[in-house]
N, C-alpha and C. Protein backbone atom coordinates (compact mmCIF):
# COMPACT_ATOMS: atom_id res chain seq x y z
N MET A 1 1.73 -6.38 -19.73
CA MET A 1 2.20 -7.82 -20.66
C MET A 1 1.10 -8.34 -20.04
N ALA A 2 0.45 -9.22 -20.47
CA ALA A 2 -0.59 -9.87 -20.96
C ALA A 2 -0.50 -11.43 -19.42
N ASN A 3 0.20 -10.94 -18.55
CA ASN A 3 -0.14 -12.74 -17.67
C ASN A 3 -0.02 -11.91 -16.45
N ASP A 4 -0.18 -9.94 -16.24
CA ASP A 4 -0.12 -9.44 -15.23
C ASP A 4 -1.26 -10.25 -14.21
N VAL A 5 -1.72 -9.85 -13.19
CA VAL A 5 -2.63 -9.97 -12.36
C VAL A 5 -3.11 -9.00 -11.64
N VAL A 6 -4.19 -7.86 -11.52
CA VAL A 6 -4.56 -7.55 -10.78
C VAL A 6 -5.31 -7.35 -9.14
N VAL A 7 -4.56 -7.10 -8.87
CA VAL A 7 -5.82 -7.45 -7.24
C VAL A 7 -6.07 -5.35 -6.84
N ALA A 8 -7.29 -5.74 -6.26
CA ALA A 8 -8.39 -4.17 -6.36
C ALA A 8 -9.03 -4.30 -4.85
N LYS A 9 -8.18 -3.74 -3.82
CA LYS A 9 -8.61 -4.07 -2.50
C LYS A 9 -9.16 -2.67 -1.77
N SER A 10 -10.18 -2.34 -1.20
CA SER A 10 -10.08 -1.73 -0.49
C SER A 10 -10.72 -1.75 0.73
N ALA A 11 -10.28 -0.87 2.27
CA ALA A 11 -10.71 -1.32 3.61
C ALA A 11 -10.80 0.53 4.57
N PHE A 12 -11.29 -0.18 5.05
CA PHE A 12 -12.26 1.23 6.09
C PHE A 12 -10.80 1.30 6.89
N TYR A 13 -9.90 2.20 7.30
CA TYR A 13 -9.44 2.98 8.51
C TYR A 13 -9.72 3.92 9.75
N PRO A 14 -10.29 3.63 11.27
CA PRO A 14 -10.72 4.81 12.04
C PRO A 14 -9.64 5.32 12.33
N VAL A 15 -9.59 6.65 12.24
CA VAL A 15 -8.88 7.31 12.70
C VAL A 15 -9.13 8.35 13.72
N LYS A 16 -8.34 9.19 14.28
CA LYS A 16 -8.59 9.91 15.78
C LYS A 16 -8.44 11.25 14.73
N PRO A 17 -9.50 12.30 15.74
CA PRO A 17 -9.28 13.51 15.38
C PRO A 17 -7.79 13.84 15.86
N ASN A 18 -7.57 14.78 14.31
CA ASN A 18 -6.93 15.66 13.83
C ASN A 18 -5.45 14.87 13.91
N THR A 19 -4.88 14.26 13.98
CA THR A 19 -3.94 12.89 14.12
C THR A 19 -3.56 12.48 12.71
N PRO A 20 -1.93 12.49 12.63
CA PRO A 20 -1.93 11.81 11.20
C PRO A 20 -1.73 10.05 11.45
N VAL A 21 -1.49 9.57 10.69
CA VAL A 21 -1.09 8.80 11.00
C VAL A 21 -0.47 8.06 9.65
N HIS A 22 0.64 6.33 10.16
CA HIS A 22 1.72 6.10 8.87
C HIS A 22 1.39 5.35 8.36
N LEU A 23 2.04 4.84 6.97
CA LEU A 23 2.42 3.50 6.48
C LEU A 23 3.23 3.30 5.91
N SER A 24 3.10 1.70 6.23
CA SER A 24 4.89 0.70 6.03
C SER A 24 3.99 0.01 4.55
N ILE A 25 4.82 -0.30 4.10
CA ILE A 25 4.42 -0.82 2.99
C ILE A 25 5.81 -2.17 2.49
N MET A 26 5.25 -3.06 2.75
CA MET A 26 6.27 -4.59 2.69
C MET A 26 5.92 -5.55 1.62
N ILE A 27 6.03 -5.83 0.72
CA ILE A 27 6.79 -6.37 -0.25
C ILE A 27 6.71 -8.23 0.44
N GLY A 28 6.25 -8.96 0.48
CA GLY A 28 6.67 -9.96 0.54
C GLY A 28 7.02 -11.83 -0.27
N ASP A 29 7.01 -12.72 0.42
CA ASP A 29 7.55 -14.05 -0.83
C ASP A 29 8.60 -13.94 -1.71
N GLY A 30 10.00 -13.14 -1.40
CA GLY A 30 11.32 -12.85 -2.33
C GLY A 30 10.83 -12.29 -3.21
N GLN A 31 10.14 -11.70 -3.70
CA GLN A 31 9.51 -10.62 -4.62
C GLN A 31 9.90 -9.61 -5.14
N VAL A 32 10.26 -8.79 -5.97
CA VAL A 32 10.75 -7.70 -5.78
C VAL A 32 9.37 -5.83 -6.53
N GLY A 33 9.72 -5.13 -5.67
CA GLY A 33 9.04 -4.50 -7.08
C GLY A 33 8.75 -3.08 -5.68
N GLY A 34 7.55 -1.81 -6.05
CA GLY A 34 8.28 -0.88 -5.57
C GLY A 34 6.48 0.34 -5.31
N SER A 35 6.03 0.49 -4.84
CA SER A 35 4.66 1.70 -4.82
C SER A 35 4.37 3.47 -5.20
N VAL A 36 3.76 3.29 -5.51
CA VAL A 36 3.43 4.91 -5.83
C VAL A 36 2.17 4.94 -4.82
N VAL A 37 2.41 5.78 -3.83
CA VAL A 37 1.27 6.28 -2.67
C VAL A 37 -0.10 7.81 -2.83
N THR A 38 -0.61 8.05 -3.43
CA THR A 38 -1.03 8.88 -3.43
C THR A 38 -2.29 9.59 -2.09
N PHE A 39 -1.96 10.88 -2.06
CA PHE A 39 -3.12 11.21 -1.05
C PHE A 39 -4.00 13.14 -1.80
N GLN A 40 -5.20 12.96 -1.39
CA GLN A 40 -5.83 14.35 -2.30
C GLN A 40 -5.25 14.37 -3.30
N GLY A 41 -5.50 13.67 -4.14
CA GLY A 41 -4.49 13.68 -5.64
C GLY A 41 -3.37 14.63 -6.05
N GLY A 42 -2.66 14.18 -5.07
CA GLY A 42 -0.74 14.47 -5.05
C GLY A 42 -0.32 13.33 -4.63
N GLN A 43 0.72 13.36 -5.46
CA GLN A 43 1.88 11.56 -4.78
C GLN A 43 2.22 12.33 -3.40
N ILE A 44 2.75 10.99 -2.60
CA ILE A 44 3.10 11.98 -1.26
C ILE A 44 4.02 11.20 -1.02
N GLY A 45 4.21 9.48 -1.79
CA GLY A 45 5.73 8.72 -1.79
C GLY A 45 5.89 7.20 -3.44
N SER A 46 6.71 6.92 -3.20
CA SER A 46 7.20 6.10 -3.81
C SER A 46 8.52 5.79 -3.80
N GLY A 47 8.51 4.57 -4.12
CA GLY A 47 9.94 3.33 -3.80
C GLY A 47 9.96 2.66 -4.12
N ASP A 48 10.93 1.99 -3.68
CA ASP A 48 10.24 0.21 -3.14
C ASP A 48 10.70 -0.17 -1.63
N ALA A 49 11.00 1.12 -0.80
CA ALA A 49 10.48 0.58 0.33
C ALA A 49 9.71 1.69 0.86
N ILE A 50 8.62 2.02 1.39
CA ILE A 50 7.85 2.99 1.75
C ILE A 50 7.40 1.92 3.31
N LYS A 51 8.10 2.92 4.22
CA LYS A 51 8.79 3.27 6.12
C LYS A 51 7.94 3.95 6.58
N ASN A 52 6.96 3.96 7.46
CA ASN A 52 6.91 4.92 8.65
C ASN A 52 6.36 6.21 7.59
N LEU A 53 5.31 6.94 6.51
CA LEU A 53 5.23 7.71 5.47
C LEU A 53 3.93 8.72 6.29
N PRO A 54 4.11 9.62 6.96
CA PRO A 54 3.65 10.14 7.27
C PRO A 54 2.12 10.54 6.23
N ILE A 55 0.74 10.40 6.53
CA ILE A 55 -0.64 11.07 6.33
C ILE A 55 -1.54 11.41 6.72
N PRO A 56 -1.67 13.32 6.84
CA PRO A 56 -1.01 13.90 5.49
C PRO A 56 0.57 14.07 5.92
N LYS A 57 1.25 15.02 4.92
CA LYS A 57 2.68 15.87 5.23
C LYS A 57 2.58 15.95 6.40
N GLU A 58 3.58 16.43 6.86
CA GLU A 58 4.52 16.75 7.96
C GLU A 58 3.88 18.39 8.48
N ASN A 59 3.89 19.10 7.13
CA ASN A 59 3.43 20.33 7.05
C ASN A 59 2.34 20.67 6.44
N ASP A 60 1.49 19.79 6.80
CA ASP A 60 0.54 19.59 5.90
C ASP A 60 -0.74 19.75 6.62
N ALA A 61 -1.59 21.24 6.87
CA ALA A 61 -2.06 22.17 7.46
C ALA A 61 -3.67 21.15 8.25
N ASN A 62 -3.93 21.00 7.15
CA ASN A 62 -5.46 20.31 8.01
C ASN A 62 -4.75 18.88 7.79
N LYS A 63 -5.32 18.28 9.43
CA LYS A 63 -4.84 16.87 10.09
C LYS A 63 -5.98 16.06 9.88
N ASP A 64 -6.74 16.32 9.94
CA ASP A 64 -8.69 15.62 10.09
C ASP A 64 -8.55 14.54 9.21
N LEU A 65 -8.01 13.88 9.05
CA LEU A 65 -7.84 12.67 8.03
C LEU A 65 -9.49 12.02 7.73
N LYS A 66 -10.18 12.56 8.93
CA LYS A 66 -12.16 11.55 8.52
C LYS A 66 -12.18 11.61 7.19
N ASP A 67 -12.90 10.51 6.60
CA ASP A 67 -13.77 10.75 5.28
C ASP A 67 -12.46 11.27 3.90
N LYS A 68 -11.47 10.93 4.21
CA LYS A 68 -10.83 10.75 2.98
C LYS A 68 -10.21 10.20 3.17
N SER A 69 -9.07 9.66 2.03
CA SER A 69 -8.24 8.16 1.64
C SER A 69 -7.59 8.67 1.28
N VAL A 70 -6.50 6.92 0.99
CA VAL A 70 -5.32 7.69 0.50
C VAL A 70 -5.27 5.71 -0.42
N SER A 71 -4.64 6.49 -2.05
CA SER A 71 -4.34 5.32 -2.54
C SER A 71 -3.13 4.48 -2.89
N CYS A 72 -2.68 2.89 -2.88
CA CYS A 72 -1.46 2.63 -3.12
C CYS A 72 -1.64 2.09 -4.44
N ILE A 73 -0.63 2.20 -4.97
CA ILE A 73 -0.31 1.16 -6.40
C ILE A 73 0.48 0.15 -6.41
N THR A 74 0.54 -0.52 -6.16
CA THR A 74 2.12 -1.38 -5.69
C THR A 74 1.73 -3.08 -6.58
N THR A 75 3.67 -2.43 -7.23
CA THR A 75 3.57 -3.55 -8.90
C THR A 75 5.01 -4.72 -7.69
N VAL A 76 4.23 -5.67 -8.41
CA VAL A 76 5.74 -7.00 -8.11
C VAL A 76 6.16 -7.64 -9.16
N ARG A 77 7.01 -7.96 -9.19
CA ARG A 77 7.42 -8.60 -10.01
C ARG A 77 7.91 -10.26 -9.84
N ARG A 78 7.92 -10.84 -9.67
CA ARG A 78 8.22 -12.49 -9.30
C ARG A 78 9.41 -12.52 -10.56
N GLU A 79 10.10 -13.15 -8.84
CA GLU A 79 12.11 -12.97 -8.89
C GLU A 79 12.14 -13.81 -8.17
N ASN A 80 11.30 -14.30 -7.29
CA ASN A 80 11.79 -15.83 -6.99
C ASN A 80 11.67 -16.90 -7.78
N PRO A 81 12.65 -18.33 -8.27
CA PRO A 81 12.44 -19.10 -9.15
C PRO A 81 10.87 -19.83 -8.74
N SER A 82 11.26 -20.28 -7.52
CA SER A 82 10.74 -21.27 -6.78
C SER A 82 9.52 -21.41 -6.55
N SER A 83 8.38 -19.81 -6.69
CA SER A 83 7.02 -19.93 -5.74
C SER A 83 6.73 -18.05 -7.04
N GLY A 84 5.81 -18.32 -7.14
CA GLY A 84 5.03 -17.52 -8.19
C GLY A 84 3.76 -16.61 -6.70
N HIS A 85 3.90 -16.85 -5.61
CA HIS A 85 3.01 -16.01 -5.22
C HIS A 85 3.58 -15.89 -4.11
N THR A 86 3.07 -14.15 -4.77
CA THR A 86 2.82 -12.79 -4.34
C THR A 86 2.15 -12.22 -3.28
N SER A 87 2.48 -11.52 -1.98
CA SER A 87 1.85 -10.67 -1.35
C SER A 87 2.87 -9.49 -1.33
N VAL A 88 1.76 -8.42 -0.65
CA VAL A 88 2.27 -6.94 0.21
C VAL A 88 1.28 -6.69 1.46
N THR A 89 1.99 -6.42 2.01
CA THR A 89 0.96 -6.40 3.39
C THR A 89 1.64 -4.72 3.37
N TYR A 90 0.32 -3.85 3.78
CA TYR A 90 0.45 -2.52 4.08
C TYR A 90 0.24 -2.31 5.54
N SER A 91 0.94 -1.13 6.57
CA SER A 91 0.52 -1.08 7.23
C SER A 91 0.79 0.25 7.88
N LEU A 92 -0.33 0.38 8.10
CA LEU A 92 -1.08 1.59 9.38
C LEU A 92 -0.66 2.15 10.41
N GLN A 93 -0.25 2.56 11.37
CA GLN A 93 -0.44 3.19 12.65
C GLN A 93 -0.15 4.98 13.09
N GLY A 94 -1.31 4.57 14.13
CA GLY A 94 -1.77 5.82 14.46
C GLY A 94 -3.17 6.60 14.33
N GLY A 95 -4.41 5.40 14.41
CA GLY A 95 -5.31 5.13 14.30
C GLY A 95 -5.93 4.88 15.85
N VAL A 96 -7.05 4.42 15.04
CA VAL A 96 -7.88 4.36 17.01
C VAL A 96 -7.36 2.54 17.34
N GLU A 97 -6.49 2.17 16.35
CA GLU A 97 -5.82 0.71 16.64
C GLU A 97 -4.58 0.79 15.03
N ASP A 98 -3.61 0.50 15.98
CA ASP A 98 -2.96 0.08 14.06
C ASP A 98 -3.64 -1.21 13.70
N ASP A 99 -3.08 -1.42 11.98
CA ASP A 99 -3.66 -2.74 11.54
C ASP A 99 -2.77 -2.96 10.72
N ASP A 100 -2.68 -4.46 10.21
CA ASP A 100 -2.05 -5.38 8.92
C ASP A 100 -3.58 -5.54 7.92
N PHE A 101 -2.81 -4.54 7.07
CA PHE A 101 -3.20 -5.31 5.83
C PHE A 101 -2.71 -6.44 4.69
N THR A 102 -3.07 -7.65 4.32
CA THR A 102 -2.09 -8.05 3.84
C THR A 102 -3.05 -8.70 2.42
N TYR A 103 -2.63 -8.78 1.11
CA TYR A 103 -3.29 -9.05 -0.01
C TYR A 103 -2.49 -10.14 -0.53
N ASP A 104 -2.58 -11.13 -1.81
CA ASP A 104 -1.38 -11.73 -2.20
C ASP A 104 -2.86 -12.20 -3.24
N ALA A 105 -1.10 -12.68 -4.38
CA ALA A 105 -1.85 -13.36 -6.08
C ALA A 105 -0.60 -14.50 -5.52
N THR A 106 -1.23 -14.72 -6.65
CA THR A 106 -0.16 -15.61 -7.46
C THR A 106 -0.13 -15.65 -9.04
N VAL A 107 1.09 -15.43 -9.51
CA VAL A 107 1.87 -15.04 -10.94
C VAL A 107 2.19 -16.24 -11.84
N SER A 108 2.40 -16.57 -12.81
CA SER A 108 2.81 -17.94 -13.71
C SER A 108 4.16 -17.79 -13.69
N GLN A 109 4.40 -17.28 -14.11
CA GLN A 109 6.14 -17.45 -14.66
C GLN A 109 7.68 -15.98 -13.99
N VAL A 110 8.87 -16.14 -14.08
CA VAL A 110 9.47 -15.24 -13.72
C VAL A 110 9.68 -13.58 -14.56
N GLY A 111 9.15 -12.64 -14.16
CA GLY A 111 9.44 -11.85 -14.45
C GLY A 111 7.24 -11.14 -14.62
N ASP A 112 6.43 -11.68 -14.39
CA ASP A 112 5.14 -11.21 -14.49
C ASP A 112 4.74 -11.28 -13.40
N ARG A 113 4.32 -10.17 -13.30
CA ARG A 113 3.99 -8.97 -12.58
C ARG A 113 2.48 -8.84 -11.38
N ALA A 114 2.67 -8.70 -10.34
CA ALA A 114 1.09 -8.93 -9.96
C ALA A 114 1.31 -7.18 -9.42
N ILE A 115 -0.32 -6.28 -9.57
CA ILE A 115 -0.40 -5.35 -9.81
C ILE A 115 -1.35 -5.04 -8.34
N TYR A 116 -1.20 -4.31 -7.23
CA TYR A 116 -2.08 -4.39 -6.39
C TYR A 116 -2.33 -2.73 -6.28
N GLN A 117 -3.46 -2.45 -6.60
CA GLN A 117 -4.45 -1.53 -6.73
C GLN A 117 -5.12 -1.39 -5.44
N VAL A 118 -5.35 0.28 -4.36
CA VAL A 118 -5.51 -0.88 -2.66
C VAL A 118 -6.23 0.56 -2.18
N SER A 119 -6.70 0.91 -1.54
CA SER A 119 -7.62 2.26 -1.15
C SER A 119 -7.96 2.10 0.61
N PHE A 120 -7.27 2.83 1.45
CA PHE A 120 -7.92 2.95 2.41
C PHE A 120 -8.54 4.34 2.64
N ILE A 121 -10.38 3.81 3.40
CA ILE A 121 -10.22 5.10 3.39
C ILE A 121 -10.57 5.68 5.08
N PHE A 122 -10.65 6.86 5.51
CA PHE A 122 -9.95 6.82 7.21
C PHE A 122 -12.11 7.28 7.60
N SER A 123 -11.99 5.82 8.06
CA SER A 123 -13.43 7.19 9.19
C SER A 123 -12.88 7.29 10.57
């Protein structure tokens, strides 16, 4: 669509040695959407509700996340007729400290999309 807004962000998230983290993604402002989450080149989660997704997956032998990253593509479609404001909050738990990362964008019309391309680098 010509009216798509792209938000590209990256952030560092300090992790503990050999300890998985959990990711939750929440779309705000009465809008709708979904996410695809990739780690080490493979998809590990997708859908409209990502809650406590383990990174790496529970059966992954290599649990040390330092210097690795997780990528999220979240597409939000404006459904709220009273506001074009969109926001996505990415919550990471299990690292040195739990942290929330909230990003936002405004789209013009109902049906327009905001595409959030977010990467977290584990440090």
